[in-house]
Amino acid sequence: MRREAFQTQDTQGVFPVPPLARRNDSRRTLDFDLNHRIVRHIAQAGITRLIYGGNAFLYHVTLAEYGELLEWLSGLPDNLLAIPSAGPSFGRAMDQAPLLRRYGFPLVMLLPCADPRDATGLEAGIRDFADAAGMPVMAYLKDETNFGADREAGLDAVARLIDSGVCAAIKYAVVRPDPAHDEYLAGLLRRVDRNKVISGIGERPAIVHMRDWGLPGFTTGSGCVAPQLSQALFEACRAGDYARADVLRASFLPLEDVRDRWGPARVLHAALEVAGIAETGPIPPYVSALETGRREALREAIAAFAGQTGIETVSVAR
């Protein structure tokens, strides 16, 4: 695992958010052999950034499992930037902070809190957590109210956290019907350096976010299945070849549609099995596994990755 401090230029790239494979035993124990297989599949595309968060169901991980995950992440190859998540509650994050400090990650993402909160309280809590963990945070903006009901106060708090270095990056994941029109994102970028903000909703808005808003990179779930295509999409956007980027983006939409319909994380968990990449195993409560009858639609969505010229794509397991 890379241990050098997170720099602004580190936002320039693709950030896969992988599932977390588990064994089919009574405790659903983490299977790090299979998780290594998933990481190798992603890294073979030249991708060196990983975020373990919602797709790994870290909202529901036990503290013991969290420690196991951090130990495993710390042993990944030195060229990989591994970003774990913490929270979403303050108490949970503070319980996780000593474990994070033990391993010295360059950055930790804070899962968005939906519980009672306001901008002033969140800012204070994030400062306390970052100090306890001994590392800066990546803020995760998934909804305009993540930093409290007062939208402007929340954006001001985010800006202060960025300016002070407590927050080193932002994952922006507020879904819009048209990502080209987003007053909240405009307000954020009036306050913070856009090079510290990555698009956080996968391939669907990635072109608009990079081309029109100048964001430097994007996260991906579906790219865990087809990492070569995600990397190619990023490179096309960076080169200004948006016609090529549009073609690549279109191959992701069938899987993204299925994920939006039946649950992004649970569908991705099943998709790695259907694609023959790794047996991801059971999902921990409070989320249920994708129903068997829906896997045929998932196979058809994954098949849309086939036929991309010059890029090796995944096979679909039967």
C-alpha atoms as a PDB file:
ATOM      1  CA  MET A   1       0.000   0.000   0.000  1.00  0.00           C
ATOM      2  CA  ARG A   2       1.236   3.470  -0.855  1.00  0.00           C
ATOM      3  CA  ARG A   3       1.965   5.503   2.267  1.00  0.00           C
ATOM      4  CA  GLU A   4       3.072   8.839   0.822  1.00  0.00           C
ATOM      5  CA  ALA A   5       0.841  11.804   1.647  1.00  0.00           C
ATOM      6  CA  PHE A   6      -2.165  12.351  -0.597  1.00  0.00           C
ATOM      7  CA  GLN A   7      -1.532  15.149  -3.096  1.00  0.00           C
ATOM      8  CA  THR A   8      -3.971  17.160  -5.206  1.00  0.00           C
ATOM      9  CA  GLN A   9      -2.659  15.508  -8.377  1.00  0.00           C
ATOM     10  CA  ASP A  10      -3.741  12.129  -6.970  1.00  0.00           C
ATOM     11  CA  THR A  11      -7.328  12.999  -7.904  1.00  0.00           C
ATOM     12  CA  GLN A  12      -6.413  12.672 -11.591  1.00  0.00           C
ATOM     13  CA  GLY A  13      -7.546   9.150 -12.359  1.00  0.00           C
ATOM     14  CA  VAL A  14     -10.130   6.418 -11.957  1.00  0.00           C
ATOM     15  CA  PHE A  15     -11.184   5.401  -8.430  1.00  0.00           C
ATOM     16  CA  PRO A  16     -12.827   1.949  -8.441  1.00  0.00           C
ATOM     17  CA  VAL A  17     -15.035   1.195  -5.432  1.00  0.00           C
ATOM     18  CA  PRO A  18     -14.946  -2.629  -5.210  1.00  0.00           C
ATOM     19  CA  PRO A  19     -17.192  -5.114  -3.437  1.00  0.00           C
ATOM     20  CA  LEU A  20     -15.804  -7.083  -0.513  1.00  0.00           C
ATOM     21  CA  ALA A  21     -15.822 -10.855  -1.022  1.00  0.00           C
ATOM     22  CA  ARG A  22     -16.974 -13.102   1.820  1.00  0.00           C
ATOM     23  CA  ARG A  23     -17.016 -16.835   2.459  1.00  0.00           C
ATOM     24  CA  ASN A  24     -20.207 -18.861   2.539  1.00  0.00           C
ATOM     25  CA  ASP A  25     -19.764 -19.797   6.205  1.00  0.00           C
ATOM     26  CA  SER A  26     -21.908 -19.110   9.246  1.00  0.00           C
ATOM     27  CA  ARG A  27     -20.093 -15.818  10.020  1.00  0.00           C
ATOM     28  CA  ARG A  28     -19.730 -14.614   6.420  1.00  0.00           C
ATOM     29  CA  THR A  29     -16.015 -14.160   7.064  1.00  0.00           C
ATOM     30  CA  LEU A  30     -13.968 -11.976   4.733  1.00  0.00           C
ATOM     31  CA  ASP A  31     -12.150 -13.897   1.992  1.00  0.00           C
ATOM     32  CA  PHE A  32      -8.956 -12.012   1.245  1.00  0.00           C
ATOM     33  CA  ASP A  33      -7.749 -14.480  -1.370  1.00  0.00           C
ATOM     34  CA  LEU A  34     -10.749 -13.584  -3.487  1.00  0.00           C
ATOM     35  CA  ASN A  35     -10.394  -9.894  -2.637  1.00  0.00           C
ATOM     36  CA  HIS A  36      -6.804 -10.076  -3.914  1.00  0.00           C
ATOM     37  CA  ARG A  37      -8.186 -11.544  -7.131  1.00  0.00           C
ATOM     38  CA  ILE A  38     -10.547  -8.574  -7.536  1.00  0.00           C
ATOM     39  CA  VAL A  39      -7.719  -6.095  -6.904  1.00  0.00           C
ATOM     40  CA  ARG A  40      -5.470  -7.849  -9.447  1.00  0.00           C
ATOM     41  CA  HIS A  41      -8.258  -7.724 -12.024  1.00  0.00           C
ATOM     42  CA  ILE A  42      -8.572  -3.956 -11.505  1.00  0.00           C
ATOM     43  CA  ALA A  43      -4.837  -3.244 -11.305  1.00  0.00           C
ATOM     44  CA  GLN A  44      -4.147  -5.065 -14.577  1.00  0.00           C
ATOM     45  CA  ALA A  45      -5.876  -2.156 -16.320  1.00  0.00           C
ATOM     46  CA  GLY A  46      -3.246   0.226 -14.963  1.00  0.00           C
ATOM     47  CA  ILE A  47      -5.531   1.588 -12.236  1.00  0.00           C
ATOM     48  CA  THR A  48      -3.736   2.373  -8.969  1.00  0.00           C
ATOM     49  CA  ARG A  49      -6.506   3.918  -6.817  1.00  0.00           C
ATOM     50  CA  LEU A  50      -9.078   2.025  -4.762  1.00  0.00           C
ATOM     51  CA  ILE A  51     -11.825   3.193  -2.407  1.00  0.00           C
ATOM     52  CA  TYR A  52     -13.460   0.688  -0.068  1.00  0.00           C
ATOM     53  CA  GLY A  53     -16.821   2.136   0.921  1.00  0.00           C
ATOM     54  CA  GLY A  54     -20.471   1.609   0.104  1.00  0.00           C
ATOM     55  CA  ASN A  55     -19.970  -1.161  -2.457  1.00  0.00           C
ATOM     56  CA  ALA A  56     -18.061  -3.077   0.230  1.00  0.00           C
ATOM     57  CA  PHE A  57     -20.982  -2.496   2.643  1.00  0.00           C
ATOM     58  CA  LEU A  58     -18.709  -0.752   5.144  1.00  0.00           C
ATOM     59  CA  TYR A  59     -21.824   0.883   6.593  1.00  0.00           C
ATOM     60  CA  HIS A  60     -22.546  -2.516   8.175  1.00  0.00           C
ATOM     61  CA  VAL A  61     -19.075  -3.952   8.836  1.00  0.00           C
ATOM     62  CA  THR A  62     -18.187  -5.009  12.385  1.00  0.00           C
ATOM     63  CA  LEU A  63     -15.255  -3.359  14.134  1.00  0.00           C
ATOM     64  CA  ALA A  64     -13.348  -6.664  14.100  1.00  0.00           C
ATOM     65  CA  GLU A  65     -13.898  -7.025  10.351  1.00  0.00           C
ATOM     66  CA  TYR A  66     -12.835  -3.425   9.887  1.00  0.00           C
ATOM     67  CA  GLY A  67      -9.510  -4.167  11.563  1.00  0.00           C
ATOM     68  CA  GLU A  68      -9.024  -7.205   9.311  1.00  0.00           C
ATOM     69  CA  LEU A  69      -9.786  -5.106   6.243  1.00  0.00           C
ATOM     70  CA  LEU A  70      -7.297  -2.387   7.216  1.00  0.00           C
ATOM     71  CA  GLU A  71      -4.561  -4.946   7.844  1.00  0.00           C
ATOM     72  CA  TRP A  72      -5.182  -6.495   4.420  1.00  0.00           C
ATOM     73  CA  LEU A  73      -5.262  -3.127   2.653  1.00  0.00           C
ATOM     74  CA  SER A  74      -1.987  -2.137   4.309  1.00  0.00           C
ATOM     75  CA  GLY A  75      -0.329  -5.173   2.687  1.00  0.00           C
ATOM     76  CA  LEU A  76      -1.345  -4.334  -0.885  1.00  0.00           C
ATOM     77  CA  PRO A  77       1.458  -3.491  -3.369  1.00  0.00           C
ATOM     78  CA  ASP A  78       3.286  -0.215  -2.779  1.00  0.00           C
ATOM     79  CA  ASN A  79       1.987   1.383  -5.976  1.00  0.00           C
ATOM     80  CA  LEU A  80      -1.669   1.111  -4.929  1.00  0.00           C
ATOM     81  CA  LEU A  81      -3.394   4.003  -3.188  1.00  0.00           C
ATOM     82  CA  ALA A  82      -5.923   2.257  -0.924  1.00  0.00           C
ATOM     83  CA  ILE A  83      -8.559   4.510   0.657  1.00  0.00           C
ATOM     84  CA  PRO A  84     -10.749   2.921   3.350  1.00  0.00           C
ATOM     85  CA  SER A  85     -13.954   4.537   4.581  1.00  0.00           C
ATOM     86  CA  ALA A  86     -15.056   5.313   8.126  1.00  0.00           C
ATOM     87  CA  GLY A  87     -18.306   6.186   9.861  1.00  0.00           C
ATOM     88  CA  PRO A  88     -20.959   7.185   9.070  1.00  0.00           C
ATOM     89  CA  SER A  89     -21.750   8.086  12.695  1.00  0.00           C
ATOM     90  CA  PHE A  90     -19.312  10.114  14.808  1.00  0.00           C
ATOM     91  CA  GLY A  91     -19.051   7.420  17.464  1.00  0.00           C
ATOM     92  CA  ARG A  92     -18.372   4.719  14.898  1.00  0.00           C
ATOM     93  CA  ALA A  93     -15.723   6.831  13.199  1.00  0.00           C
ATOM     94  CA  MET A  94     -13.997   7.561  16.504  1.00  0.00           C
ATOM     95  CA  ASP A  95     -13.952   3.841  17.313  1.00  0.00           C
ATOM     96  CA  GLN A  96     -12.310   3.222  13.945  1.00  0.00           C
ATOM     97  CA  ALA A  97      -9.798   6.079  14.265  1.00  0.00           C
ATOM     98  CA  PRO A  98      -7.179   4.203  16.374  1.00  0.00           C
ATOM     99  CA  LEU A  99      -7.166   1.345  13.872  1.00  0.00           C
ATOM    100  CA  LEU A 100      -6.644   3.766  11.002  1.00  0.00           C
ATOM    101  CA  ARG A 101      -3.823   5.533  12.852  1.00  0.00           C
ATOM    102  CA  ARG A 102      -2.080   2.183  13.343  1.00  0.00           C
ATOM    103  CA  TYR A 103      -1.698   1.655   9.591  1.00  0.00           C
ATOM    104  CA  GLY A 104      -1.028   5.188   8.399  1.00  0.00           C
ATOM    105  CA  PHE A 105      -3.258   5.451   5.343  1.00  0.00           C
ATOM    106  CA  PRO A 106      -2.739   8.590   3.230  1.00  0.00           C
ATOM    107  CA  LEU A 107      -6.457   9.337   3.289  1.00  0.00           C
ATOM    108  CA  VAL A 108      -9.752   8.029   4.646  1.00  0.00           C
ATOM    109  CA  MET A 109     -13.191   8.664   3.192  1.00  0.00           C
ATOM    110  CA  LEU A 110     -16.005   9.577   5.570  1.00  0.00           C
ATOM    111  CA  LEU A 111     -19.288   7.896   4.685  1.00  0.00           C
ATOM    112  CA  PRO A 112     -22.158  10.410   4.473  1.00  0.00           C
ATOM    113  CA  CYS A 113     -24.230  10.680   7.626  1.00  0.00           C
ATOM    114  CA  ALA A 114     -28.031  10.724   7.436  1.00  0.00           C
ATOM    115  CA  ASP A 115     -28.545  11.054  11.192  1.00  0.00           C
ATOM    116  CA  PRO A 116     -29.113  14.316  13.166  1.00  0.00           C
ATOM    117  CA  ARG A 117     -26.409  16.771  12.075  1.00  0.00           C
ATOM    118  CA  ASP A 118     -25.666  20.357  11.164  1.00  0.00           C
ATOM    119  CA  ALA A 119     -22.770  22.095   9.468  1.00  0.00           C
ATOM    120  CA  THR A 120     -21.085  23.384  12.618  1.00  0.00           C
ATOM    121  CA  GLY A 121     -21.373  20.055  14.430  1.00  0.00           C
ATOM    122  CA  LEU A 122     -20.134  18.068  11.451  1.00  0.00           C
ATOM    123  CA  GLU A 123     -17.160  20.336  10.954  1.00  0.00           C
ATOM    124  CA  ALA A 124     -16.155  19.946  14.602  1.00  0.00           C
ATOM    125  CA  GLY A 125     -16.628  16.170  14.498  1.00  0.00           C
ATOM    126  CA  ILE A 126     -14.626  15.747  11.303  1.00  0.00           C
ATOM    127  CA  ARG A 127     -11.768  17.757  12.783  1.00  0.00           C
ATOM    128  CA  ASP A 128     -11.824  15.569  15.904  1.00  0.00           C
ATOM    129  CA  PHE A 129     -11.869  12.400  13.796  1.00  0.00           C
ATOM    130  CA  ALA A 130      -9.046  13.479  11.466  1.00  0.00           C
ATOM    131  CA  ASP A 131      -6.906  14.354  14.489  1.00  0.00           C
ATOM    132  CA  ALA A 132      -7.639  11.012  16.160  1.00  0.00           C
ATOM    133  CA  ALA A 133      -6.987   9.045  12.945  1.00  0.00           C
ATOM    134  CA  GLY A 134      -3.843  11.004  12.116  1.00  0.00           C
ATOM    135  CA  MET A 135      -4.764  11.556   8.469  1.00  0.00           C
ATOM    136  CA  PRO A 136      -6.851  13.843   6.252  1.00  0.00           C
ATOM    137  CA  VAL A 137     -10.294  12.873   5.043  1.00  0.00           C
ATOM    138  CA  MET A 138     -12.170  12.650   1.770  1.00  0.00           C
ATOM    139  CA  ALA A 139     -15.620  14.154   2.219  1.00  0.00           C
ATOM    140  CA  TYR A 140     -18.457  12.312   0.495  1.00  0.00           C
ATOM    141  CA  LEU A 141     -21.253  14.579  -0.734  1.00  0.00           C
ATOM    142  CA  LYS A 142     -24.127  12.329  -1.767  1.00  0.00           C
ATOM    143  CA  ASP A 143     -26.976  14.709  -1.030  1.00  0.00           C
ATOM    144  CA  GLU A 144     -27.288  18.485  -0.631  1.00  0.00           C
ATOM    145  CA  THR A 145     -28.180  17.980   3.024  1.00  0.00           C
ATOM    146  CA  ASN A 146     -25.219  15.747   3.950  1.00  0.00           C
ATOM    147  CA  PHE A 147     -23.691  18.728   5.740  1.00  0.00           C
ATOM    148  CA  GLY A 148     -26.991  19.784   7.285  1.00  0.00           C
ATOM    149  CA  ALA A 149     -30.230  21.411   6.167  1.00  0.00           C
ATOM    150  CA  ASP A 150     -28.573  24.796   5.592  1.00  0.00           C
ATOM    151  CA  ARG A 151     -26.963  24.170   2.215  1.00  0.00           C
ATOM    152  CA  GLU A 152     -24.810  27.312   2.139  1.00  0.00           C
ATOM    153  CA  ALA A 153     -23.554  26.779   5.683  1.00  0.00           C
ATOM    154  CA  GLY A 154     -22.661  23.218   4.755  1.00  0.00           C
ATOM    155  CA  LEU A 155     -20.651  24.318   1.711  1.00  0.00           C
ATOM    156  CA  ASP A 156     -18.879  26.934   3.839  1.00  0.00           C
ATOM    157  CA  ALA A 157     -17.949  24.219   6.337  1.00  0.00           C
ATOM    158  CA  VAL A 158     -16.584  22.003   3.559  1.00  0.00           C
ATOM    159  CA  ALA A 159     -14.507  24.926   2.262  1.00  0.00           C
ATOM    160  CA  ARG A 160     -13.017  25.558   5.724  1.00  0.00           C
ATOM    161  CA  LEU A 161     -12.129  21.876   6.062  1.00  0.00           C
ATOM    162  CA  ILE A 162     -10.399  21.984   2.657  1.00  0.00           C
ATOM    163  CA  ASP A 163      -8.584  25.242   3.426  1.00  0.00           C
ATOM    164  CA  SER A 164      -7.272  23.867   6.720  1.00  0.00           C
ATOM    165  CA  GLY A 165      -6.030  20.626   5.144  1.00  0.00           C
ATOM    166  CA  VAL A 166      -8.318  18.476   7.297  1.00  0.00           C
ATOM    167  CA  CYS A 167     -10.159  17.524   4.105  1.00  0.00           C
ATOM    168  CA  ALA A 168      -7.861  16.684   1.177  1.00  0.00           C
ATOM    169  CA  ALA A 169     -10.475  15.691  -1.418  1.00  0.00           C
ATOM    170  CA  ILE A 170     -14.203  15.505  -2.061  1.00  0.00           C
ATOM    171  CA  LYS A 171     -16.213  12.730  -3.678  1.00  0.00           C
ATOM    172  CA  TYR A 172     -19.126  14.507  -5.326  1.00  0.00           C
ATOM    173  CA  ALA A 173     -22.067  12.141  -5.854  1.00  0.00           C
ATOM    174  CA  VAL A 174     -25.237  14.226  -5.953  1.00  0.00           C
ATOM    175  CA  VAL A 175     -27.361  12.733  -8.740  1.00  0.00           C
ATOM    176  CA  ARG A 176     -28.943  15.172 -11.213  1.00  0.00           C
ATOM    177  CA  PRO A 177     -31.282  14.561 -14.182  1.00  0.00           C
ATOM    178  CA  ASP A 178     -28.789  16.632 -16.174  1.00  0.00           C
ATOM    179  CA  PRO A 179     -25.319  16.857 -14.569  1.00  0.00           C
ATOM    180  CA  ALA A 180     -24.541  19.899 -16.717  1.00  0.00           C
ATOM    181  CA  HIS A 181     -26.988  21.904 -14.569  1.00  0.00           C
ATOM    182  CA  ASP A 182     -26.063  21.699 -10.895  1.00  0.00           C
ATOM    183  CA  GLU A 183     -26.195  24.801  -8.711  1.00  0.00           C
ATOM    184  CA  TYR A 184     -24.926  22.919  -5.679  1.00  0.00           C
ATOM    185  CA  LEU A 185     -21.809  21.773  -7.523  1.00  0.00           C
ATOM    186  CA  ALA A 186     -21.349  25.307  -8.840  1.00  0.00           C
ATOM    187  CA  GLY A 187     -21.516  26.591  -5.268  1.00  0.00           C
ATOM    188  CA  LEU A 188     -18.972  24.013  -4.144  1.00  0.00           C
ATOM    189  CA  LEU A 189     -16.542  24.917  -6.935  1.00  0.00           C
ATOM    190  CA  ARG A 190     -16.812  28.614  -6.091  1.00  0.00           C
ATOM    191  CA  ARG A 191     -15.408  27.724  -2.689  1.00  0.00           C
ATOM    192  CA  VAL A 192     -12.842  24.965  -3.314  1.00  0.00           C
ATOM    193  CA  ASP A 193     -10.241  24.030  -5.904  1.00  0.00           C
ATOM    194  CA  ARG A 194     -11.992  21.855  -8.510  1.00  0.00           C
ATOM    195  CA  ASN A 195      -8.842  19.713  -8.686  1.00  0.00           C
ATOM    196  CA  LYS A 196      -9.742  18.418  -5.235  1.00  0.00           C
ATOM    197  CA  VAL A 197     -13.222  17.256  -6.305  1.00  0.00           C
ATOM    198  CA  ILE A 198     -13.762  13.929  -8.066  1.00  0.00           C
ATOM    199  CA  SER A 199     -16.952  12.850  -9.798  1.00  0.00           C
ATOM    200  CA  GLY A 200     -18.447  10.204  -7.546  1.00  0.00           C
ATOM    201  CA  ILE A 201     -21.333   8.607  -9.477  1.00  0.00           C
ATOM    202  CA  GLY A 202     -19.640   6.287 -11.947  1.00  0.00           C
ATOM    203  CA  GLU A 203     -19.495   6.557 -15.704  1.00  0.00           C
ATOM    204  CA  ARG A 204     -22.964   8.009 -16.304  1.00  0.00           C
ATOM    205  CA  PRO A 205     -22.040  11.678 -15.527  1.00  0.00           C
ATOM    206  CA  ALA A 206     -18.259  11.277 -15.830  1.00  0.00           C
ATOM    207  CA  ILE A 207     -17.857  12.920 -19.234  1.00  0.00           C
ATOM    208  CA  VAL A 208     -19.932  15.967 -18.292  1.00  0.00           C
ATOM    209  CA  HIS A 209     -18.177  16.294 -14.949  1.00  0.00           C
ATOM    210  CA  MET A 210     -14.725  16.160 -16.544  1.00  0.00           C
ATOM    211  CA  ARG A 211     -15.473  18.145 -19.714  1.00  0.00           C
ATOM    212  CA  ASP A 212     -17.923  20.796 -18.478  1.00  0.00           C
ATOM    213  CA  TRP A 213     -17.000  21.136 -14.826  1.00  0.00           C
ATOM    214  CA  GLY A 214     -13.279  20.415 -15.066  1.00  0.00           C
ATOM    215  CA  LEU A 215     -13.242  17.651 -12.449  1.00  0.00           C
ATOM    216  CA  PRO A 216     -10.009  15.621 -12.595  1.00  0.00           C
ATOM    217  CA  GLY A 217     -11.257  12.043 -12.171  1.00  0.00           C
ATOM    218  CA  PHE A 218     -14.174   9.817 -11.300  1.00  0.00           C
ATOM    219  CA  THR A 219     -15.169   6.864  -9.168  1.00  0.00           C
ATOM    220  CA  THR A 220     -16.571   3.669 -10.648  1.00  0.00           C
ATOM    221  CA  GLY A 221     -18.459   0.628  -9.477  1.00  0.00           C
ATOM    222  CA  SER A 222     -19.142  -0.960 -12.855  1.00  0.00           C
ATOM    223  CA  GLY A 223     -15.493  -0.380 -13.725  1.00  0.00           C
ATOM    224  CA  CYS A 224     -14.640  -3.118 -11.223  1.00  0.00           C
ATOM    225  CA  VAL A 225     -16.114  -5.462 -13.835  1.00  0.00           C
ATOM    226  CA  ALA A 226     -14.530  -3.753 -16.866  1.00  0.00           C
ATOM    227  CA  PRO A 227     -11.588  -1.705 -15.541  1.00  0.00           C
ATOM    228  CA  GLN A 228      -9.917  -1.426 -18.958  1.00  0.00           C
ATOM    229  CA  LEU A 229     -12.982   0.387 -20.243  1.00  0.00           C
ATOM    230  CA  SER A 230     -13.108   2.784 -17.281  1.00  0.00           C
ATOM    231  CA  GLN A 231      -9.437   3.601 -17.721  1.00  0.00           C
ATOM    232  CA  ALA A 232      -9.961   4.094 -21.474  1.00  0.00           C
ATOM    233  CA  LEU A 233     -12.895   6.419 -20.764  1.00  0.00           C
ATOM    234  CA  PHE A 234     -10.756   8.494 -18.414  1.00  0.00           C
ATOM    235  CA  GLU A 235      -7.919   8.690 -20.938  1.00  0.00           C
ATOM    236  CA  ALA A 236     -10.318   9.698 -23.723  1.00  0.00           C
ATOM    237  CA  CYS A 237     -11.724  12.515 -21.582  1.00  0.00           C
ATOM    238  CA  ARG A 238      -8.263  13.681 -20.598  1.00  0.00           C
ATOM    239  CA  ALA A 239      -7.265  13.736 -24.287  1.00  0.00           C
ATOM    240  CA  GLY A 240     -10.433  15.617 -25.249  1.00  0.00           C
ATOM    241  CA  ASP A 241     -11.636  12.730 -27.437  1.00  0.00           C
ATOM    242  CA  TYR A 242     -15.245  12.958 -26.307  1.00  0.00           C
ATOM    243  CA  ALA A 243     -16.608  11.024 -29.278  1.00  0.00           C
ATOM    244  CA  ARG A 244     -14.552   8.024 -28.150  1.00  0.00           C
ATOM    245  CA  ALA A 245     -15.563   8.702 -24.534  1.00  0.00           C
ATOM    246  CA  ASP A 246     -19.261   8.649 -25.486  1.00  0.00           C
ATOM    247  CA  VAL A 247     -18.871   5.229 -27.133  1.00  0.00           C
ATOM    248  CA  LEU A 248     -17.133   3.838 -24.058  1.00  0.00           C
ATOM    249  CA  ARG A 249     -19.672   5.383 -21.692  1.00  0.00           C
ATOM    250  CA  ALA A 250     -22.532   3.774 -23.612  1.00  0.00           C
ATOM    251  CA  SER A 251     -21.174   0.300 -22.840  1.00  0.00           C
ATOM    252  CA  PHE A 252     -21.579   0.993 -19.101  1.00  0.00           C
ATOM    253  CA  LEU A 253     -25.177   2.173 -19.209  1.00  0.00           C
ATOM    254  CA  PRO A 254     -26.919  -1.248 -19.299  1.00  0.00           C
ATOM    255  CA  LEU A 255     -25.132  -2.310 -16.101  1.00  0.00           C
ATOM    256  CA  GLU A 256     -25.609   1.124 -14.526  1.00  0.00           C
ATOM    257  CA  ASP A 257     -29.342   0.921 -15.340  1.00  0.00           C
ATOM    258  CA  VAL A 258     -29.605  -2.469 -13.624  1.00  0.00           C
ATOM    259  CA  ARG A 259     -27.674  -1.172 -10.621  1.00  0.00           C
ATOM    260  CA  ASP A 260     -29.967   1.851 -10.321  1.00  0.00           C
ATOM    261  CA  ARG A 261     -33.037  -0.392 -10.612  1.00  0.00           C
ATOM    262  CA  TRP A 262     -32.131  -3.061  -8.050  1.00  0.00           C
ATOM    263  CA  GLY A 263     -29.513  -1.459  -5.816  1.00  0.00           C
ATOM    264  CA  PRO A 264     -26.012  -0.371  -6.914  1.00  0.00           C
ATOM    265  CA  ALA A 265     -23.976  -2.268  -4.328  1.00  0.00           C
ATOM    266  CA  ARG A 266     -25.922  -5.541  -4.295  1.00  0.00           C
ATOM    267  CA  VAL A 267     -25.963  -5.703  -8.106  1.00  0.00           C
ATOM    268  CA  LEU A 268     -22.223  -5.024  -8.321  1.00  0.00           C
ATOM    269  CA  HIS A 269     -21.589  -7.707  -5.694  1.00  0.00           C
ATOM    270  CA  ALA A 270     -23.378 -10.219  -7.941  1.00  0.00           C
ATOM    271  CA  ALA A 271     -21.890  -8.813 -11.153  1.00  0.00           C
ATOM    272  CA  LEU A 272     -18.347  -9.883 -10.292  1.00  0.00           C
ATOM    273  CA  GLU A 273     -19.601 -13.454  -9.920  1.00  0.00           C
ATOM    274  CA  VAL A 274     -21.674 -13.366 -13.102  1.00  0.00           C
ATOM    275  CA  ALA A 275     -18.679 -11.965 -15.011  1.00  0.00           C
ATOM    276  CA  GLY A 276     -16.471 -14.815 -13.740  1.00  0.00           C
ATOM    277  CA  ILE A 277     -14.077 -12.500 -11.892  1.00  0.00           C
ATOM    278  CA  ALA A 278     -14.547 -13.729  -8.304  1.00  0.00           C
ATOM    279  CA  GLU A 279     -17.099 -15.505  -6.119  1.00  0.00           C
ATOM    280  CA  THR A 280     -18.041 -12.597  -3.882  1.00  0.00           C
ATOM    281  CA  GLY A 281     -20.192 -14.738  -1.576  1.00  0.00           C
ATOM    282  CA  PRO A 282     -22.956 -13.525   0.752  1.00  0.00           C
ATOM    283  CA  ILE A 283     -23.878  -9.940   1.569  1.00  0.00           C
ATOM    284  CA  PRO A 284     -23.994  -8.907   5.248  1.00  0.00           C
ATOM    285  CA  PRO A 285     -27.299  -7.703   6.722  1.00  0.00           C
ATOM    286  CA  TYR A 286     -29.032  -5.206   6.430  1.00  0.00           C
ATOM    287  CA  VAL A 287     -28.881  -5.790   2.650  1.00  0.00           C
ATOM    288  CA  SER A 288     -30.068  -8.909   0.828  1.00  0.00           C
ATOM    289  CA  ALA A 289     -28.436 -10.686  -2.111  1.00  0.00           C
ATOM    290  CA  LEU A 290     -29.653 -10.141  -5.655  1.00  0.00           C
ATOM    291  CA  GLU A 291     -32.404 -12.614  -6.489  1.00  0.00           C
ATOM    292  CA  THR A 292     -31.420 -15.533  -8.735  1.00  0.00           C
ATOM    293  CA  GLY A 293     -34.110 -14.679 -11.267  1.00  0.00           C
ATOM    294  CA  ARG A 294     -32.558 -11.286 -11.932  1.00  0.00           C
ATOM    295  CA  ARG A 295     -29.133 -12.618 -12.891  1.00  0.00           C
ATOM    296  CA  GLU A 296     -30.081 -13.170 -16.534  1.00  0.00           C
ATOM    297  CA  ALA A 297     -30.718  -9.435 -16.912  1.00  0.00           C
ATOM    298  CA  LEU A 298     -27.367  -8.869 -15.219  1.00  0.00           C
ATOM    299  CA  ARG A 299     -25.649 -11.193 -17.715  1.00  0.00           C
ATOM    300  CA  GLU A 300     -27.157  -9.242 -20.594  1.00  0.00           C
ATOM    301  CA  ALA A 301     -25.973  -5.952 -19.102  1.00  0.00           C
ATOM    302  CA  ILE A 302     -22.422  -7.241 -18.675  1.00  0.00           C
ATOM    303  CA  ALA A 303     -22.433  -8.540 -22.247  1.00  0.00           C
ATOM    304  CA  ALA A 304     -22.672  -4.900 -23.402  1.00  0.00           C
ATOM    305  CA  PHE A 305     -18.983  -4.534 -22.538  1.00  0.00           C
ATOM    306  CA  ALA A 306     -18.043  -6.924 -25.346  1.00  0.00           C
ATOM    307  CA  GLY A 307     -16.753  -5.690 -28.688  1.00  0.00           C
ATOM    308  CA  GLN A 308     -14.791  -2.635 -27.595  1.00  0.00           C
ATOM    309  CA  THR A 309     -12.012  -2.394 -30.164  1.00  0.00           C
ATOM    310  CA  GLY A 310      -8.546  -2.936 -28.787  1.00  0.00           C
ATOM    311  CA  ILE A 311      -9.697  -3.536 -25.232  1.00  0.00           C
ATOM    312  CA  GLU A 312      -9.929  -6.890 -23.513  1.00  0.00           C
ATOM    313  CA  THR A 313     -13.370  -7.245 -21.942  1.00  0.00           C
ATOM    314  CA  VAL A 314     -14.817  -9.636 -19.406  1.00  0.00           C
ATOM    315  CA  SER A 315     -16.397 -12.985 -20.111  1.00  0.00           C
ATOM    316  CA  VAL A 316     -19.817 -13.791 -18.721  1.00  0.00           C
ATOM    317  CA  ALA A 317     -19.967 -16.915 -16.569  1.00  0.00           C
ATOM    318  CA  ARG A 318     -22.781 -19.368 -17.234  1.00  0.00           C
END
